[in-house]
Amino acid sequence: GDVTDAASMGNLVQKFQPDEFYHLAANSFVATSWDSPAHYIETNTIGTINCLEGIRQHKKDCRFYFAGSSEMYGDYVKRTGGEVVLDEESPMVAASPYGVSKVAGYQMTKVYRESYNMFATCGILFNHSDTLRGKEFFTRKVTRQLARISWGLQDKITLGNLSAKRDEGSSRDYIRAMYAMLQQDTPDDFVIATGETHSCQEWLDTTLGFFRLDHSYVETSSSLMRPNEVNVLIGNASKAKSVLGWEPKLSYQDLNINMCQYDYHLQSPDPSIYRKADEFLF
């Protein structure tokens, strides 16, 4: 189905009659949202409405999950200063076209929940990565390209702002939380986060250590700096822990090691090593 096409979403729900509908991030790469803001609104906002309308018209008892984002808090973090711990009640002042598109989708999900008595839940997920993360995202870009450097397949890695701090968890842990949200008796909104924040520099340094490389392989470019940056993100998942019984299982350090091991094998020119990459997927 095409989330930007209302008829497509309606036909999809009508045909398959799903019990659960997970509307994940159609566009989730924050940096490119400045290049095509209208496209992000079309997929993340209008797309959400199309999904909700399809369910309302054809399978109203279907449970709907909307993928929110810590980027929805945006400028609120800057305005308060310091390392503000964010929860479900914190103000949302988006600082990017991506963040705006997610706030709008989040609000529309709540509107449908309250207006049509639909089971529509919002998960406000903070940063999450894993071995299958797209190669354009910072964490995976670092593990993948440093693995290639370690094998002699490229000479440098070029990065942007390394001082930004993020609350980074494991995607596999966050998927468990998403599923748990739709198994509850009533729909609600939940922050999913580790409660820790780490800088991009720390992720880079840890990964360099794994591959036994130094900073001579790293360069920064102003072209990779965002027009507006959220400097620090850290979340409070107390509600999810209390209501869902959810806890993150994979630590920041183990997540980094897992991704490094995966990319070390996946980027290897040696077929005997490359073939073992799947052992580190999950």
Protein backbone atom coordinates (compact mmCIF):
# COMPACT_ATOMS: atom_id res chain seq x y z
CA GLY A 1 0.00 0.00 0.00
CA ASP A 2 0.92 3.64 -0.54
CA VAL A 3 0.32 5.75 2.57
CA THR A 4 0.09 8.90 0.45
CA ASP A 5 -2.88 7.42 -1.46
CA ALA A 6 -6.09 7.36 0.58
CA ALA A 7 -7.76 4.87 -1.76
CA SER A 8 -4.77 2.55 -1.50
CA MET A 9 -4.94 2.53 2.30
CA GLY A 10 -8.70 2.03 2.28
CA ASN A 11 -8.44 -0.89 -0.14
CA LEU A 12 -5.64 -2.46 1.89
CA VAL A 13 -7.60 -2.39 5.16
CA GLN A 14 -10.80 -3.52 3.45
CA LYS A 15 -9.05 -6.48 1.80
CA PHE A 16 -6.91 -7.76 4.68
CA GLN A 17 -9.10 -6.77 7.66
CA PRO A 18 -6.09 -6.50 10.03
CA ASP A 19 -6.40 -6.78 13.79
CA GLU A 20 -3.27 -4.65 14.26
CA PHE A 21 -1.85 -1.87 12.06
CA TYR A 22 1.67 -0.53 12.69
CA HIS A 23 2.24 2.78 10.92
CA LEU A 24 6.02 3.11 11.17
CA ALA A 25 8.16 5.97 9.91
CA ALA A 26 7.56 6.34 6.19
CA ASN A 27 10.34 8.93 6.19
CA SER A 28 12.57 8.92 9.26
CA PHE A 29 15.86 10.50 8.17
CA VAL A 30 15.80 13.91 9.87
CA ALA A 31 18.61 15.49 7.84
CA THR A 32 16.89 15.16 4.46
CA SER A 33 13.63 16.65 5.73
CA TRP A 34 15.02 20.15 5.04
CA ASP A 35 15.55 19.17 1.40
CA SER A 36 11.99 17.93 0.87
CA PRO A 37 9.75 19.17 3.70
CA ALA A 38 6.53 18.79 1.71
CA HIS A 39 7.29 15.13 1.08
CA TYR A 40 7.70 14.50 4.81
CA ILE A 41 4.35 16.14 5.53
CA GLU A 42 2.78 14.05 2.77
CA THR A 43 4.10 10.73 4.10
CA ASN A 44 4.26 11.24 7.86
CA THR A 45 1.20 13.44 8.33
CA ILE A 46 -1.20 12.93 5.41
CA GLY A 47 -0.08 9.29 5.35
CA THR A 48 -1.15 8.91 8.98
CA ILE A 49 -4.56 10.38 8.24
CA ASN A 50 -4.99 8.01 5.28
CA CYS A 51 -4.18 5.02 7.49
CA LEU A 52 -6.58 6.15 10.20
CA GLU A 53 -9.36 6.85 7.72
CA GLY A 54 -8.92 3.44 6.12
CA ILE A 55 -9.31 1.81 9.53
CA ARG A 56 -12.25 4.02 10.55
CA GLN A 57 -14.16 3.20 7.38
CA HIS A 58 -13.37 -0.49 6.96
CA LYS A 59 -12.14 -2.07 10.25
CA LYS A 60 -12.84 0.23 13.15
CA ASP A 61 -11.87 -2.34 15.78
CA CYS A 62 -8.35 -2.63 14.31
CA ARG A 63 -5.64 -1.52 16.77
CA PHE A 64 -3.46 1.25 15.32
CA TYR A 65 0.10 2.16 16.27
CA PHE A 66 1.65 5.50 15.31
CA ALA A 67 5.45 5.82 15.40
CA GLY A 68 6.23 9.08 17.14
CA SER A 69 9.74 10.42 17.67
CA SER A 70 11.85 12.23 20.25
CA GLU A 71 12.40 14.83 17.52
CA MET A 72 8.87 16.04 18.25
CA TYR A 73 10.17 17.76 21.41
CA GLY A 74 12.63 19.81 19.38
CA ASP A 75 13.28 23.35 20.57
CA TYR A 76 11.77 22.73 24.01
CA VAL A 77 15.08 21.09 24.96
CA LYS A 78 17.06 24.14 23.81
CA ARG A 79 14.77 26.59 25.54
CA THR A 80 15.06 24.90 28.92
CA GLY A 81 18.81 24.25 28.66
CA GLY A 82 20.78 21.36 30.07
CA GLU A 83 19.92 17.69 29.77
CA VAL A 84 16.13 17.78 30.17
CA VAL A 85 14.53 14.38 30.74
CA LEU A 86 11.45 14.16 28.53
CA ASP A 87 8.23 12.25 29.15
CA GLU A 88 4.70 12.02 27.74
CA GLU A 89 3.73 15.39 29.24
CA SER A 90 6.70 17.43 27.97
CA PRO A 91 5.84 20.19 25.44
CA MET A 92 6.47 19.40 21.77
CA VAL A 93 8.16 22.22 19.87
CA ALA A 94 9.54 20.54 16.76
CA ALA A 95 12.80 21.92 15.32
CA SER A 96 12.82 20.22 11.91
CA PRO A 97 10.36 19.50 9.08
CA TYR A 98 10.56 15.85 10.15
CA GLY A 99 9.65 16.76 13.71
CA VAL A 100 6.73 18.91 12.54
CA SER A 101 5.39 16.09 10.37
CA LYS A 102 5.55 13.71 13.33
CA VAL A 103 3.86 16.12 15.77
CA ALA A 104 0.99 16.54 13.30
CA GLY A 105 0.66 12.76 12.84
CA TYR A 106 0.78 12.29 16.61
CA GLN A 107 -1.97 14.86 17.19
CA MET A 108 -4.17 13.37 14.45
CA THR A 109 -3.81 9.93 16.02
CA LYS A 110 -5.07 11.34 19.33
CA VAL A 111 -7.93 13.11 17.54
CA TYR A 112 -9.13 9.84 16.00
CA ARG A 113 -8.77 8.03 19.32
CA GLU A 114 -10.86 10.60 21.17
CA SER A 115 -13.35 11.37 18.40
CA TYR A 116 -14.14 7.89 17.07
CA ASN A 117 -13.34 5.70 20.09
CA MET A 118 -10.62 3.94 18.10
CA PHE A 119 -7.76 1.99 19.62
CA ALA A 120 -5.04 4.37 18.42
CA THR A 121 -1.76 4.35 20.35
CA CYS A 122 1.31 6.58 19.99
CA GLY A 123 4.80 5.35 20.75
CA ILE A 124 7.23 8.22 21.29
CA LEU A 125 10.42 6.36 20.49
CA PHE A 126 13.80 7.92 21.17
CA ASN A 127 16.74 7.06 18.94
CA HIS A 128 17.16 3.38 18.21
CA SER A 129 19.59 1.42 16.05
CA ASP A 130 20.58 -2.12 15.28
CA THR A 131 22.34 -4.18 12.66
CA LEU A 132 19.65 -3.54 10.03
CA ARG A 133 19.60 0.25 10.51
CA GLY A 134 19.89 2.16 7.23
CA LYS A 135 23.43 3.05 6.24
CA GLU A 136 22.57 6.78 6.07
CA PHE A 137 21.86 6.97 9.82
CA PHE A 138 24.75 8.11 12.00
CA THR A 139 25.24 4.99 14.13
CA ARG A 140 25.19 2.58 11.18
CA LYS A 141 27.15 4.95 8.97
CA VAL A 142 29.97 4.90 11.53
CA THR A 143 30.07 1.13 12.09
CA ARG A 144 29.73 0.36 8.39
CA GLN A 145 32.30 2.82 7.06
CA LEU A 146 34.88 2.18 9.78
CA ALA A 147 34.54 -1.53 9.03
CA ARG A 148 35.25 -0.76 5.37
CA ILE A 149 38.27 1.34 6.38
CA SER A 150 39.56 -1.53 8.52
CA TRP A 151 39.38 -3.81 5.47
CA GLY A 152 41.12 -1.22 3.26
CA LEU A 153 38.01 -0.58 1.17
CA GLN A 154 37.89 3.19 1.78
CA ASP A 155 40.20 5.86 3.17
CA LYS A 156 38.06 8.29 5.18
CA ILE A 157 34.74 8.80 6.89
CA THR A 158 33.10 12.25 6.71
CA LEU A 159 30.76 13.28 9.50
CA GLY A 160 28.83 16.34 10.70
CA ASN A 161 28.04 17.48 14.24
CA LEU A 162 29.72 15.16 16.76
CA SER A 163 28.66 17.04 19.90
CA ALA A 164 24.95 16.20 19.65
CA LYS A 165 23.76 13.80 22.36
CA ARG A 166 21.08 11.15 21.87
CA ASP A 167 19.25 8.57 23.96
CA GLU A 168 20.17 5.51 21.88
CA GLY A 169 18.55 2.11 22.34
CA SER A 170 18.24 -1.16 20.47
CA SER A 171 15.56 -1.47 17.78
CA ARG A 172 14.80 -5.04 18.85
CA ASP A 173 13.96 -3.76 22.35
CA TYR A 174 11.78 -1.00 20.96
CA ILE A 175 9.84 -3.38 18.72
CA ARG A 176 8.90 -5.34 21.86
CA ALA A 177 7.53 -2.11 23.34
CA MET A 178 5.51 -1.33 20.21
CA TYR A 179 3.89 -4.75 20.27
CA ALA A 180 3.13 -4.47 24.00
CA MET A 181 1.31 -1.16 23.44
CA LEU A 182 -1.26 -2.84 21.20
CA GLN A 183 -1.88 -5.65 23.71
CA GLN A 184 -3.22 -3.29 26.39
CA ASP A 185 -6.89 -2.94 27.34
CA THR A 186 -6.94 0.76 26.47
CA PRO A 187 -4.88 2.88 24.03
CA ASP A 188 -2.40 5.41 25.36
CA ASP A 189 0.86 7.21 24.57
CA PHE A 190 4.25 5.94 25.75
CA VAL A 191 7.81 7.26 25.73
CA ILE A 192 10.30 4.49 24.92
CA ALA A 193 13.86 5.36 25.90
CA THR A 194 16.89 4.11 27.83
CA GLY A 195 17.21 7.10 30.17
CA GLU A 196 20.84 7.59 29.12
CA THR A 197 22.32 10.07 26.67
CA HIS A 198 25.55 9.67 24.69
CA SER A 199 27.26 12.01 22.24
CA CYS A 200 27.93 11.19 18.62
CA GLN A 201 31.61 11.64 19.49
CA GLU A 202 31.31 8.83 22.05
CA TRP A 203 29.79 6.45 19.50
CA LEU A 204 32.56 7.33 17.07
CA ASP A 205 35.32 6.85 19.66
CA THR A 206 33.91 3.51 20.83
CA THR A 207 33.67 2.26 17.24
CA LEU A 208 37.20 3.46 16.40
CA GLY A 209 38.40 1.48 19.42
CA PHE A 210 36.67 -1.67 18.24
CA PHE A 211 38.32 -1.48 14.82
CA ARG A 212 41.66 -0.30 16.28
CA LEU A 213 41.64 2.87 14.20
CA ASP A 214 42.53 6.44 15.15
CA HIS A 215 41.02 9.84 14.36
CA SER A 216 43.24 10.37 11.32
CA TYR A 217 40.58 8.48 9.33
CA VAL A 218 37.85 10.93 10.37
CA GLU A 219 36.98 14.31 8.86
CA THR A 220 34.05 16.65 9.45
CA SER A 221 32.18 18.75 6.91
CA SER A 222 29.92 21.76 7.36
CA SER A 223 27.77 20.37 4.53
CA LEU A 224 26.58 17.67 6.93
CA MET A 225 25.53 20.13 9.64
CA ARG A 226 21.77 20.56 10.08
CA PRO A 227 20.23 24.05 9.80
CA ASN A 228 18.73 23.57 13.27
CA GLU A 229 20.05 20.97 15.72
CA VAL A 230 18.52 19.47 18.85
CA ASN A 231 21.64 19.24 21.01
CA VAL A 232 20.52 16.81 23.73
CA LEU A 233 17.75 14.20 23.92
CA ILE A 234 17.05 11.95 26.89
CA GLY A 235 13.80 10.21 27.74
CA ASN A 236 11.90 8.95 30.77
CA ALA A 237 10.24 5.60 30.07
CA SER A 238 8.81 5.15 33.57
CA LYS A 239 5.25 4.89 32.27
CA ALA A 240 6.18 2.15 29.81
CA LYS A 241 8.03 0.27 32.54
CA SER A 242 5.06 0.54 34.91
CA VAL A 243 2.18 -0.10 32.49
CA LEU A 244 3.78 -2.31 29.83
CA GLY A 245 6.33 -4.04 32.03
CA TRP A 246 8.94 -3.02 29.47
CA GLU A 247 12.65 -2.71 30.10
CA PRO A 248 15.49 -2.31 27.58
CA LYS A 249 17.64 -5.46 27.49
CA LEU A 250 20.57 -4.49 25.27
CA SER A 251 22.96 -1.89 26.70
CA TYR A 252 24.52 0.96 24.74
CA GLN A 253 27.91 -0.77 24.86
CA ASP A 254 26.54 -4.15 23.73
CA LEU A 255 24.56 -2.50 20.93
CA ASN A 256 27.76 -0.91 19.63
CA ILE A 257 29.69 -4.18 19.80
CA ASN A 258 26.90 -6.08 18.05
CA MET A 259 26.73 -3.56 15.19
CA CYS A 260 30.52 -3.45 14.87
CA GLN A 261 30.74 -7.24 14.70
CA TYR A 262 28.00 -7.38 12.10
CA ASP A 263 29.60 -4.77 9.84
CA TYR A 264 33.08 -6.23 10.34
CA HIS A 265 31.79 -9.45 8.80
CA LEU A 266 29.37 -7.91 6.29
CA GLN A 267 31.99 -5.58 4.75
CA SER A 268 34.71 -8.22 4.56
CA PRO A 269 36.08 -9.05 1.10
CA ASP A 270 36.82 -12.54 2.44
CA PRO A 271 33.81 -14.77 1.59
CA SER A 272 34.43 -17.04 4.59
CA ILE A 273 34.10 -14.05 6.94
CA TYR A 274 31.29 -12.36 4.98
CA ARG A 275 29.13 -15.47 5.20
CA LYS A 276 29.14 -15.29 9.00
CA ALA A 277 27.57 -11.79 9.13
CA ASP A 278 24.04 -13.13 9.66
CA GLU A 279 25.14 -14.66 12.97
CA PHE A 280 25.23 -11.11 14.38
CA LEU A 281 21.87 -9.91 13.03
CA PHE A 282 19.85 -10.61 16.17
